[in-house]
Amino acid sequence: MEQSFITANGQPVNLNLPCTLEEFLVAQKLLPRSVVVEHNGDAVAPSEFARRALALGDRLEIVKIVAGG
């Protein structure tokens, strides 16, 4: 594995590559079904998280889904 950086919500994050989006979310203690993710400007369906590979320099925007009334 290679140590690399991506940007998540404007902050550099160190991670081991290869890594999927789902693995990254779990490592960040985020439940994959509780977030909405944009990867390099493209919205990613939760069903794609396990197949979406991250690469050096990628940019993520992650928003937590909050339920309530």
C-alpha atoms as a PDB file:
ATOM      1  CA  MET A   1       0.000   0.000   0.000  1.00  0.00           C
ATOM      2  CA  GLU A   2       1.116   3.519  -0.764  1.00  0.00           C
ATOM      3  CA  GLN A   3       0.490   6.533   1.499  1.00  0.00           C
ATOM      4  CA  SER A   4      -1.289   9.256  -0.444  1.00  0.00           C
ATOM      5  CA  PHE A   5      -3.400  12.345   0.043  1.00  0.00           C
ATOM      6  CA  ILE A   6      -6.832  13.229  -1.200  1.00  0.00           C
ATOM      7  CA  THR A   7      -8.928  16.277  -0.344  1.00  0.00           C
ATOM      8  CA  ALA A   8     -12.147  15.754   1.612  1.00  0.00           C
ATOM      9  CA  ASN A   9     -14.347  18.790   2.278  1.00  0.00           C
ATOM     10  CA  GLY A  10     -11.399  21.082   1.524  1.00  0.00           C
ATOM     11  CA  GLN A  11      -8.990  19.334   3.927  1.00  0.00           C
ATOM     12  CA  PRO A  12      -6.066  17.056   2.994  1.00  0.00           C
ATOM     13  CA  VAL A  13      -6.566  13.493   4.235  1.00  0.00           C
ATOM     14  CA  ASN A  14      -3.883  10.827   4.299  1.00  0.00           C
ATOM     15  CA  LEU A  15      -4.941   7.344   3.197  1.00  0.00           C
ATOM     16  CA  ASN A  16      -3.514   4.071   1.990  1.00  0.00           C
ATOM     17  CA  LEU A  17      -4.046   3.313  -1.690  1.00  0.00           C
ATOM     18  CA  PRO A  18      -5.572   1.317  -3.225  1.00  0.00           C
ATOM     19  CA  CYS A  19      -8.766   2.264  -1.432  1.00  0.00           C
ATOM     20  CA  THR A  20     -12.441   2.357  -2.368  1.00  0.00           C
ATOM     21  CA  LEU A  21     -14.779   5.168  -1.445  1.00  0.00           C
ATOM     22  CA  GLU A  22     -16.596   2.816   0.934  1.00  0.00           C
ATOM     23  CA  GLU A  23     -13.333   1.851   2.685  1.00  0.00           C
ATOM     24  CA  PHE A  24     -12.446   5.525   3.034  1.00  0.00           C
ATOM     25  CA  LEU A  25     -15.830   6.399   4.558  1.00  0.00           C
ATOM     26  CA  VAL A  26     -15.603   3.548   7.078  1.00  0.00           C
ATOM     27  CA  ALA A  27     -12.037   4.606   7.998  1.00  0.00           C
ATOM     28  CA  GLN A  28     -13.397   8.111   8.659  1.00  0.00           C
ATOM     29  CA  LYS A  29     -16.080   6.584  10.922  1.00  0.00           C
ATOM     30  CA  LEU A  30     -18.860   7.554   8.522  1.00  0.00           C
ATOM     31  CA  LEU A  31     -21.666   5.137   7.741  1.00  0.00           C
ATOM     32  CA  PRO A  32     -21.824   4.867   3.940  1.00  0.00           C
ATOM     33  CA  ARG A  33     -25.644   5.008   3.977  1.00  0.00           C
ATOM     34  CA  SER A  34     -25.640   8.203   6.078  1.00  0.00           C
ATOM     35  CA  VAL A  35     -23.765  10.437   3.630  1.00  0.00           C
ATOM     36  CA  VAL A  36     -24.044  11.991   0.192  1.00  0.00           C
ATOM     37  CA  VAL A  37     -20.740  12.059  -1.712  1.00  0.00           C
ATOM     38  CA  GLU A  38     -19.395  14.015  -4.663  1.00  0.00           C
ATOM     39  CA  HIS A  39     -16.178  12.556  -6.142  1.00  0.00           C
ATOM     40  CA  ASN A  40     -14.213  14.918  -8.394  1.00  0.00           C
ATOM     41  CA  GLY A  41     -17.392  16.872  -9.100  1.00  0.00           C
ATOM     42  CA  ASP A  42     -19.619  13.862  -9.822  1.00  0.00           C
ATOM     43  CA  ALA A  43     -22.389  12.703  -7.477  1.00  0.00           C
ATOM     44  CA  VAL A  44     -21.866   9.065  -6.484  1.00  0.00           C
ATOM     45  CA  ALA A  45     -24.765   6.700  -5.786  1.00  0.00           C
ATOM     46  CA  PRO A  46     -24.361   4.721  -2.545  1.00  0.00           C
ATOM     47  CA  SER A  47     -24.512   1.520  -4.602  1.00  0.00           C
ATOM     48  CA  GLU A  48     -21.230   2.626  -6.276  1.00  0.00           C
ATOM     49  CA  PHE A  49     -19.246   3.318  -3.068  1.00  0.00           C
ATOM     50  CA  ALA A  50     -17.742  -0.199  -2.896  1.00  0.00           C
ATOM     51  CA  ARG A  51     -16.628  -0.057  -6.564  1.00  0.00           C
ATOM     52  CA  ARG A  52     -15.414   3.549  -6.752  1.00  0.00           C
ATOM     53  CA  ALA A  53     -11.614   3.570  -6.433  1.00  0.00           C
ATOM     54  CA  LEU A  54      -9.882   6.626  -5.003  1.00  0.00           C
ATOM     55  CA  ALA A  55      -6.623   7.956  -6.447  1.00  0.00           C
ATOM     56  CA  LEU A  56      -3.942  10.425  -5.436  1.00  0.00           C
ATOM     57  CA  GLY A  57      -5.257  13.983  -5.665  1.00  0.00           C
ATOM     58  CA  ASP A  58      -8.964  13.106  -5.752  1.00  0.00           C
ATOM     59  CA  ARG A  59     -11.429  15.585  -4.276  1.00  0.00           C
ATOM     60  CA  LEU A  60     -14.408  14.521  -2.174  1.00  0.00           C
ATOM     61  CA  GLU A  61     -17.288  16.533  -0.821  1.00  0.00           C
ATOM     62  CA  ILE A  62     -19.104  14.601   1.892  1.00  0.00           C
ATOM     63  CA  VAL A  63     -22.378  15.712   3.469  1.00  0.00           C
ATOM     64  CA  LYS A  64     -23.973  13.857   6.374  1.00  0.00           C
ATOM     65  CA  ILE A  65     -27.668  13.131   5.991  1.00  0.00           C
ATOM     66  CA  VAL A  66     -29.623  14.331   9.008  1.00  0.00           C
ATOM     67  CA  ALA A  67     -33.155  13.076   9.609  1.00  0.00           C
ATOM     68  CA  GLY A  68     -35.561  14.922  11.784  1.00  0.00           C
ATOM     69  CA  GLY A  69     -38.582  17.050  11.835  1.00  0.00           C
END
